[in-house]
């Protein structure tokens, strides 16, 4: 199982969850923790906080670990309850994709790997500096999409 999504998450935040669960339980605490640690869980929803909100990020959900592990930083073992086996990866305003959990309904652990966060922030700064108006051009934003990457390894427990 492998799903890809390249998008610009609103509020620099995206989630992985089973839409049948009430994911709002303790969400404020999890969001605050994700802002500190990149990713956090309520047990019902994984929150991932991006380094910036202008460039599109590339996110992968898979039941296999990422290739070239040494290139990634890791937030390890976040719990995720999956009631229906139908998951959603996306932001809170509608951008997203549906995913079927590999082992069906049950409890999963999610390892969140990330890379390119600092490079994305630097690229935004470079694009601003090269613009006469101090704002990155749309063309520059499109060409730089995917510098910031996330890989969510989903494992049944």
N, C-alpha and C. Protein backbone atom coordinates (compact mmCIF):
# COMPACT_ATOMS: atom_id res chain seq x y z
N UNK A 1 0.85 -1.17 0.00
CA UNK A 1 0.00 0.00 0.00
C UNK A 1 0.89 1.23 0.00
N UNK A 2 0.60 2.14 -0.90
CA UNK A 2 1.36 3.39 -0.98
C UNK A 2 0.46 4.46 -1.58
N UNK A 3 0.37 5.61 -0.92
CA UNK A 3 -0.42 6.74 -1.42
C UNK A 3 0.45 7.99 -1.40
N UNK A 4 0.32 8.82 -2.41
CA UNK A 4 1.09 10.05 -2.53
C UNK A 4 0.14 11.25 -2.58
N UNK A 5 0.60 12.36 -2.05
CA UNK A 5 -0.15 13.61 -2.14
C UNK A 5 0.85 14.76 -2.14
N UNK A 6 0.80 15.60 -3.16
CA UNK A 6 1.59 16.83 -3.18
C UNK A 6 0.61 17.98 -3.13
N UNK A 7 0.70 18.79 -2.07
CA UNK A 7 -0.26 19.87 -1.85
C UNK A 7 0.33 20.90 -0.90
N UNK A 8 -0.32 22.04 -0.82
CA UNK A 8 0.08 23.10 0.10
C UNK A 8 -0.92 23.10 1.25
N UNK A 9 -0.58 22.45 2.36
CA UNK A 9 -1.55 22.35 3.46
C UNK A 9 -1.88 23.71 4.06
N UNK A 10 -3.16 23.99 4.17
CA UNK A 10 -3.56 25.23 4.84
C UNK A 10 -3.09 25.20 6.28
N UNK A 11 -2.67 26.35 6.76
CA UNK A 11 -2.17 26.52 8.13
C UNK A 11 -0.92 25.69 8.41
N UNK A 12 -0.22 25.24 7.34
CA UNK A 12 1.03 24.46 7.47
C UNK A 12 0.81 23.21 8.33
N UNK A 13 -0.35 22.59 8.17
CA UNK A 13 -0.71 21.44 9.01
C UNK A 13 -1.50 20.44 8.17
N UNK A 14 -1.13 19.16 8.28
CA UNK A 14 -1.96 18.13 7.67
C UNK A 14 -2.10 16.97 8.63
N UNK A 15 -3.08 16.10 8.34
CA UNK A 15 -3.39 15.00 9.26
C UNK A 15 -3.60 13.70 8.50
N UNK A 16 -3.50 12.62 9.28
CA UNK A 16 -3.89 11.29 8.83
C UNK A 16 -4.89 10.78 9.86
N UNK A 17 -6.09 10.37 9.40
CA UNK A 17 -7.11 9.94 10.35
C UNK A 17 -8.15 9.07 9.68
N UNK A 18 -8.86 8.34 10.51
CA UNK A 18 -10.05 7.62 10.09
C UNK A 18 -11.21 8.60 10.31
N UNK A 19 -11.89 9.02 9.25
CA UNK A 19 -12.95 10.03 9.40
C UNK A 19 -14.11 9.61 10.30
N UNK A 20 -14.23 8.33 10.61
CA UNK A 20 -15.31 7.87 11.47
C UNK A 20 -15.06 8.15 12.95
N UNK A 21 -13.81 8.46 13.32
CA UNK A 21 -13.50 8.79 14.71
C UNK A 21 -13.70 10.27 14.97
N UNK A 22 -14.03 10.62 16.20
CA UNK A 22 -14.11 12.02 16.61
C UNK A 22 -12.69 12.50 16.87
N UNK A 23 -12.05 12.97 15.83
CA UNK A 23 -10.64 13.33 15.91
C UNK A 23 -10.39 14.61 16.71
N UNK A 24 -11.41 15.38 16.97
CA UNK A 24 -11.21 16.65 17.67
C UNK A 24 -10.84 16.48 19.14
N UNK A 25 -10.99 15.28 19.68
CA UNK A 25 -10.66 15.04 21.08
C UNK A 25 -9.18 15.33 21.30
N UNK A 26 -8.89 16.28 22.17
CA UNK A 26 -7.51 16.66 22.54
C UNK A 26 -6.68 17.17 21.37
N UNK A 27 -7.34 17.71 20.34
CA UNK A 27 -6.60 18.18 19.17
C UNK A 27 -5.70 19.38 19.47
N UNK A 28 -6.12 20.27 20.34
CA UNK A 28 -5.30 21.45 20.65
C UNK A 28 -3.95 21.04 21.24
N UNK A 29 -3.97 20.04 22.11
CA UNK A 29 -2.72 19.55 22.70
C UNK A 29 -1.84 18.91 21.65
N UNK A 30 -2.43 18.11 20.77
CA UNK A 30 -1.66 17.44 19.72
C UNK A 30 -1.08 18.45 18.72
N UNK A 31 -1.85 19.46 18.36
CA UNK A 31 -1.36 20.48 17.43
C UNK A 31 -0.19 21.23 18.05
N UNK A 32 -0.31 21.59 19.32
CA UNK A 32 0.80 22.28 20.00
C UNK A 32 2.04 21.39 20.03
N UNK A 33 1.86 20.10 20.30
CA UNK A 33 3.00 19.17 20.31
C UNK A 33 3.61 19.02 18.92
N UNK A 34 2.77 18.98 17.88
CA UNK A 34 3.28 18.87 16.50
C UNK A 34 4.07 20.12 16.11
N UNK A 35 3.65 21.27 16.58
CA UNK A 35 4.41 22.51 16.28
C UNK A 35 5.80 22.45 16.91
N UNK A 36 5.93 21.74 18.02
CA UNK A 36 7.24 21.57 18.68
C UNK A 36 8.05 20.43 18.08
N UNK A 37 7.39 19.30 17.79
CA UNK A 37 8.09 18.06 17.45
C UNK A 37 7.87 17.58 16.03
N UNK A 38 7.25 18.37 15.17
CA UNK A 38 6.90 18.05 13.78
C UNK A 38 5.61 17.23 13.70
N UNK A 39 5.45 16.19 14.53
CA UNK A 39 4.25 15.36 14.45
C UNK A 39 3.82 14.92 15.85
N UNK A 40 2.51 14.70 15.99
CA UNK A 40 1.96 14.24 17.27
C UNK A 40 0.64 13.53 16.99
N UNK A 41 0.13 12.85 18.00
CA UNK A 41 -1.10 12.07 17.83
C UNK A 41 -2.06 12.29 19.00
N UNK A 42 -3.34 12.24 18.69
CA UNK A 42 -4.37 12.19 19.73
C UNK A 42 -4.74 10.73 20.01
N UNK A 43 -4.19 9.82 19.23
CA UNK A 43 -4.62 8.42 19.26
C UNK A 43 -5.61 8.13 18.15
N UNK A 44 -6.33 9.17 17.72
CA UNK A 44 -7.31 9.05 16.65
C UNK A 44 -6.91 9.82 15.40
N UNK A 45 -5.91 10.70 15.52
CA UNK A 45 -5.49 11.53 14.40
C UNK A 45 -4.01 11.87 14.56
N UNK A 46 -3.26 11.74 13.46
CA UNK A 46 -1.85 12.14 13.43
C UNK A 46 -1.81 13.55 12.86
N UNK A 47 -1.19 14.47 13.57
CA UNK A 47 -1.01 15.85 13.11
C UNK A 47 0.44 16.03 12.69
N UNK A 48 0.65 16.63 11.52
CA UNK A 48 2.00 16.92 11.04
C UNK A 48 2.07 18.41 10.74
N UNK A 49 3.01 19.08 11.37
CA UNK A 49 3.19 20.52 11.21
C UNK A 49 4.33 20.77 10.22
N UNK A 50 4.04 21.42 9.13
CA UNK A 50 5.03 21.72 8.10
C UNK A 50 5.88 22.92 8.53
N UNK A 51 7.04 23.07 7.92
CA UNK A 51 7.95 24.16 8.26
C UNK A 51 7.50 25.49 7.67
N UNK A 52 6.67 25.43 6.64
CA UNK A 52 6.23 26.65 5.95
C UNK A 52 4.88 26.37 5.30
N UNK A 53 4.22 27.43 4.81
CA UNK A 53 2.89 27.25 4.23
C UNK A 53 2.76 27.82 2.82
N UNK A 54 3.89 27.98 2.12
CA UNK A 54 3.84 28.54 0.76
C UNK A 54 4.16 27.52 -0.32
N UNK A 55 5.14 26.67 -0.09
CA UNK A 55 5.52 25.65 -1.06
C UNK A 55 4.69 24.39 -0.83
N UNK A 56 4.34 23.72 -1.91
CA UNK A 56 3.66 22.43 -1.78
C UNK A 56 4.62 21.44 -1.15
N UNK A 57 4.09 20.61 -0.27
CA UNK A 57 4.88 19.53 0.34
C UNK A 57 4.47 18.22 -0.32
N UNK A 58 5.36 17.25 -0.24
CA UNK A 58 5.06 15.92 -0.78
C UNK A 58 4.92 14.97 0.40
N UNK A 59 3.79 14.29 0.48
CA UNK A 59 3.53 13.34 1.57
C UNK A 59 3.24 11.96 0.98
N UNK A 60 3.80 10.95 1.62
CA UNK A 60 3.60 9.56 1.24
C UNK A 60 3.12 8.81 2.47
N UNK A 61 2.14 7.93 2.30
CA UNK A 61 1.73 6.99 3.35
C UNK A 61 1.97 5.60 2.78
N UNK A 62 2.68 4.77 3.54
CA UNK A 62 3.02 3.43 3.06
C UNK A 62 3.12 2.45 4.22
N UNK A 63 2.97 1.17 3.90
CA UNK A 63 3.20 0.14 4.91
C UNK A 63 4.63 -0.39 4.84
N UNK A 64 5.48 0.26 4.07
CA UNK A 64 6.92 -0.04 4.02
C UNK A 64 7.70 1.19 4.48
N UNK A 65 8.84 1.03 5.14
CA UNK A 65 9.65 2.19 5.53
C UNK A 65 10.22 2.87 4.29
N UNK A 66 10.64 4.13 4.43
CA UNK A 66 11.16 4.85 3.26
C UNK A 66 12.52 4.31 2.83
N UNK A 67 12.83 4.48 1.57
CA UNK A 67 14.19 4.14 1.12
C UNK A 67 15.17 5.18 1.67
N UNK A 68 16.42 4.82 1.72
CA UNK A 68 17.48 5.75 2.16
C UNK A 68 17.17 6.36 3.53
N UNK A 69 16.97 5.51 4.52
CA UNK A 69 16.59 5.95 5.86
C UNK A 69 17.51 7.01 6.44
N UNK A 70 18.78 6.97 6.11
CA UNK A 70 19.74 7.92 6.70
C UNK A 70 19.46 9.36 6.28
N UNK A 71 18.69 9.57 5.23
CA UNK A 71 18.40 10.93 4.75
C UNK A 71 17.21 11.56 5.47
N UNK A 72 16.52 10.80 6.30
CA UNK A 72 15.29 11.27 6.92
C UNK A 72 15.47 11.46 8.42
N UNK A 73 14.72 12.40 8.99
CA UNK A 73 14.59 12.52 10.44
C UNK A 73 13.28 11.84 10.83
N UNK A 74 13.17 11.40 12.07
CA UNK A 74 12.07 10.53 12.45
C UNK A 74 11.36 10.99 13.71
N UNK A 75 10.03 10.94 13.68
CA UNK A 75 9.19 11.02 14.87
C UNK A 75 8.58 9.62 14.97
N UNK A 76 8.91 8.88 16.02
CA UNK A 76 8.68 7.45 16.08
C UNK A 76 7.42 7.05 16.85
N UNK A 77 6.69 6.08 16.31
CA UNK A 77 5.68 5.33 17.03
C UNK A 77 4.47 6.09 17.51
N UNK A 78 3.82 6.87 16.66
CA UNK A 78 2.61 7.58 17.07
C UNK A 78 1.40 6.67 16.90
N UNK A 79 0.53 6.56 17.91
CA UNK A 79 -0.61 5.66 17.81
C UNK A 79 -1.73 6.23 16.93
N UNK A 80 -2.41 5.33 16.21
CA UNK A 80 -3.55 5.73 15.38
C UNK A 80 -4.60 4.61 15.40
N UNK A 81 -5.77 4.90 15.95
CA UNK A 81 -6.88 3.95 15.94
C UNK A 81 -7.61 4.08 14.61
N UNK A 82 -7.88 2.96 14.01
CA UNK A 82 -8.51 2.93 12.69
C UNK A 82 -9.77 2.08 12.78
N UNK A 83 -10.91 2.72 12.84
CA UNK A 83 -12.18 2.04 13.04
C UNK A 83 -12.66 1.31 11.79
N UNK A 84 -12.47 1.93 10.63
CA UNK A 84 -13.06 1.40 9.40
C UNK A 84 -12.06 0.92 8.35
N UNK A 85 -10.79 1.20 8.54
CA UNK A 85 -9.72 0.92 7.56
C UNK A 85 -9.69 1.94 6.44
N UNK A 86 -10.60 2.89 6.45
CA UNK A 86 -10.59 3.96 5.45
C UNK A 86 -10.00 5.21 6.09
N UNK A 87 -8.82 5.59 5.64
CA UNK A 87 -8.12 6.74 6.20
C UNK A 87 -8.16 7.91 5.23
N UNK A 88 -7.91 9.10 5.78
CA UNK A 88 -7.81 10.30 4.96
C UNK A 88 -6.53 11.03 5.31
N UNK A 89 -5.74 11.35 4.28
CA UNK A 89 -4.54 12.16 4.41
C UNK A 89 -4.86 13.51 3.78
N UNK A 90 -4.69 14.59 4.54
CA UNK A 90 -4.97 15.90 3.97
C UNK A 90 -5.02 16.97 5.02
N UNK A 91 -5.47 18.15 4.59
CA UNK A 91 -5.59 19.26 5.54
C UNK A 91 -7.05 19.43 5.95
N UNK A 92 -7.30 20.43 6.75
CA UNK A 92 -8.64 20.62 7.28
C UNK A 92 -9.60 21.35 6.37
N UNK A 93 -9.13 21.77 5.20
CA UNK A 93 -9.99 22.56 4.31
C UNK A 93 -10.34 21.83 3.02
N UNK A 94 -10.10 20.53 2.95
CA UNK A 94 -10.58 19.77 1.81
C UNK A 94 -9.54 19.14 0.91
N UNK A 95 -8.30 19.61 0.94
CA UNK A 95 -7.27 18.98 0.13
C UNK A 95 -6.92 17.64 0.76
N UNK A 96 -6.97 16.56 0.00
CA UNK A 96 -6.62 15.29 0.59
C UNK A 96 -6.88 14.11 -0.32
N UNK A 97 -6.60 12.94 0.21
CA UNK A 97 -6.80 11.71 -0.53
C UNK A 97 -7.21 10.60 0.43
N UNK A 98 -7.98 9.65 -0.09
CA UNK A 98 -8.42 8.49 0.71
C UNK A 98 -7.39 7.38 0.60
N UNK A 99 -7.23 6.64 1.69
CA UNK A 99 -6.27 5.54 1.77
C UNK A 99 -6.95 4.39 2.50
N UNK A 100 -6.72 3.18 2.04
CA UNK A 100 -7.20 2.00 2.76
C UNK A 100 -6.07 1.45 3.60
N UNK A 101 -6.30 1.32 4.90
CA UNK A 101 -5.28 0.80 5.81
C UNK A 101 -4.92 -0.63 5.41
N UNK A 102 -3.63 -0.97 5.42
CA UNK A 102 -3.17 -2.25 4.86
C UNK A 102 -3.68 -3.50 5.58
N UNK A 103 -3.90 -3.43 6.88
CA UNK A 103 -4.32 -4.62 7.64
C UNK A 103 -5.76 -4.50 8.12
N UNK A 104 -6.52 -3.61 7.50
CA UNK A 104 -7.91 -3.43 7.89
C UNK A 104 -8.06 -2.62 9.16
N UNK A 105 -9.25 -2.65 9.76
CA UNK A 105 -9.49 -1.91 11.00
C UNK A 105 -8.57 -2.39 12.12
N UNK A 106 -8.25 -1.50 13.03
CA UNK A 106 -7.41 -1.86 14.17
C UNK A 106 -6.55 -0.70 14.60
N UNK A 107 -5.56 -1.00 15.42
CA UNK A 107 -4.64 0.02 15.91
C UNK A 107 -3.33 -0.06 15.13
N UNK A 108 -2.82 1.10 14.78
CA UNK A 108 -1.58 1.20 14.01
C UNK A 108 -0.60 2.08 14.77
N UNK A 109 0.66 1.91 14.46
CA UNK A 109 1.71 2.84 14.86
C UNK A 109 2.17 3.52 13.60
N UNK A 110 2.39 4.83 13.69
CA UNK A 110 2.81 5.61 12.53
C UNK A 110 4.16 6.25 12.85
N UNK A 111 5.16 5.91 12.05
CA UNK A 111 6.45 6.59 12.11
C UNK A 111 6.41 7.70 11.08
N UNK A 112 6.66 8.94 11.50
CA UNK A 112 6.63 10.08 10.59
C UNK A 112 8.07 10.48 10.29
N UNK A 113 8.48 10.25 9.05
CA UNK A 113 9.81 10.65 8.58
C UNK A 113 9.67 11.98 7.86
N UNK A 114 10.68 12.82 7.97
CA UNK A 114 10.62 14.10 7.27
C UNK A 114 12.02 14.53 6.83
N UNK A 115 12.06 15.29 5.75
CA UNK A 115 13.30 15.89 5.26
C UNK A 115 12.96 17.11 4.41
N UNK A 116 13.93 17.99 4.28
CA UNK A 116 13.77 19.17 3.45
C UNK A 116 13.09 20.35 4.11
N UNK A 117 12.84 20.29 5.41
CA UNK A 117 12.15 21.38 6.09
C UNK A 117 12.98 22.67 6.05
N UNK A 118 14.25 22.59 6.43
CA UNK A 118 15.11 23.78 6.41
C UNK A 118 15.30 24.29 4.99
N UNK A 119 15.46 23.39 4.03
CA UNK A 119 15.64 23.78 2.63
C UNK A 119 14.42 24.52 2.11
N UNK A 120 13.23 24.10 2.51
CA UNK A 120 12.00 24.77 2.06
C UNK A 120 11.93 26.19 2.63
N UNK A 121 12.27 26.36 3.89
CA UNK A 121 12.26 27.70 4.49
C UNK A 121 13.29 28.60 3.80
N UNK A 122 14.47 28.05 3.53
CA UNK A 122 15.50 28.83 2.79
C UNK A 122 15.02 29.21 1.40
N UNK A 123 14.35 28.28 0.72
CA UNK A 123 13.88 28.54 -0.65
C UNK A 123 12.83 29.64 -0.65
N UNK A 124 11.93 29.65 0.31
CA UNK A 124 10.93 30.72 0.42
C UNK A 124 11.65 32.06 0.58
N UNK A 125 12.66 32.11 1.44
CA UNK A 125 13.43 33.34 1.65
C UNK A 125 14.12 33.79 0.36
N UNK A 126 14.71 32.86 -0.35
CA UNK A 126 15.37 33.18 -1.64
C UNK A 126 14.36 33.73 -2.64
N UNK A 127 13.20 33.11 -2.72
CA UNK A 127 12.18 33.57 -3.66
C UNK A 127 11.68 34.97 -3.30
N UNK A 128 11.55 35.25 -2.02
CA UNK A 128 11.13 36.59 -1.58
C UNK A 128 12.18 37.63 -1.93
N UNK A 129 13.44 37.29 -1.70
CA UNK A 129 14.53 38.23 -1.97
C UNK A 129 14.68 38.51 -3.46
N UNK A 130 14.36 37.54 -4.30
CA UNK A 130 14.52 37.73 -5.75
C UNK A 130 13.32 38.42 -6.38
N UNK A 131 12.28 38.68 -5.61
CA UNK A 131 11.08 39.32 -6.13
C UNK A 131 11.10 40.81 -5.83
N UNK A 132 10.68 41.60 -6.79
CA UNK A 132 10.63 43.06 -6.61
C UNK A 132 9.61 43.45 -5.54
N UNK A 133 8.56 42.67 -5.37
CA UNK A 133 7.51 42.99 -4.41
C UNK A 133 7.72 42.31 -3.06
N UNK A 134 8.78 41.51 -2.92
CA UNK A 134 9.03 40.83 -1.66
C UNK A 134 8.16 39.62 -1.42
N UNK A 135 7.43 39.19 -2.45
CA UNK A 135 6.59 37.99 -2.37
C UNK A 135 7.09 36.98 -3.39
N UNK A 136 7.12 35.72 -3.05
CA UNK A 136 7.54 34.71 -4.02
C UNK A 136 6.61 34.68 -5.23
N UNK A 137 7.16 34.51 -6.42
CA UNK A 137 6.35 34.40 -7.63
C UNK A 137 5.66 33.04 -7.65
N UNK A 138 4.51 32.98 -8.32
CA UNK A 138 3.81 31.70 -8.47
C UNK A 138 4.69 30.69 -9.19
N UNK A 139 5.40 31.15 -10.20
CA UNK A 139 6.29 30.27 -10.96
C UNK A 139 7.37 29.67 -10.06
N UNK A 140 7.96 30.50 -9.20
CA UNK A 140 8.97 30.01 -8.27
C UNK A 140 8.42 29.02 -7.27
N UNK A 141 7.19 29.27 -6.81
CA UNK A 141 6.55 28.35 -5.87
C UNK A 141 6.28 27.00 -6.52
N UNK A 142 5.80 27.02 -7.76
CA UNK A 142 5.50 25.77 -8.47
C UNK A 142 6.79 24.98 -8.73
N UNK A 143 7.83 25.66 -9.17
CA UNK A 143 9.12 24.98 -9.46
C UNK A 143 9.74 24.38 -8.20
N UNK A 144 9.44 24.94 -7.06
CA UNK A 144 10.06 24.50 -5.80
C UNK A 144 9.18 23.51 -5.01
N UNK A 145 8.06 23.12 -5.56
CA UNK A 145 7.15 22.20 -4.86
C UNK A 145 7.85 20.88 -4.54
N UNK A 146 7.58 20.36 -3.35
CA UNK A 146 8.09 19.05 -2.98
C UNK A 146 9.45 19.03 -2.33
N UNK A 147 10.06 20.20 -2.10
CA UNK A 147 11.34 20.24 -1.38
C UNK A 147 11.16 19.65 0.02
N UNK A 148 10.05 20.03 0.64
CA UNK A 148 9.71 19.53 1.99
C UNK A 148 8.92 18.24 1.83
N UNK A 149 9.41 17.15 2.43
CA UNK A 149 8.80 15.83 2.23
C UNK A 149 8.47 15.15 3.55
N UNK A 150 7.41 14.38 3.53
CA UNK A 150 6.98 13.59 4.68
C UNK A 150 6.66 12.17 4.21
N UNK A 151 7.04 11.21 5.03
CA UNK A 151 6.79 9.81 4.71
C UNK A 151 6.22 9.17 5.97
N UNK A 152 4.97 8.76 5.91
CA UNK A 152 4.28 8.18 7.06
C UNK A 152 4.23 6.67 6.88
N UNK A 153 4.97 5.97 7.74
CA UNK A 153 5.05 4.51 7.70
C UNK A 153 4.00 3.97 8.65
N UNK A 154 3.02 3.29 8.12
CA UNK A 154 1.87 2.79 8.86
C UNK A 154 2.07 1.32 9.16
N UNK A 155 2.08 0.97 10.46
CA UNK A 155 2.32 -0.42 10.89
C UNK A 155 1.24 -0.88 11.83
N UNK A 156 0.59 -2.04 11.54
CA UNK A 156 -0.39 -2.56 12.51
C UNK A 156 0.29 -3.03 13.79
N UNK A 157 -0.39 -2.88 14.92
CA UNK A 157 0.15 -3.38 16.20
C UNK A 157 -0.73 -4.50 16.72
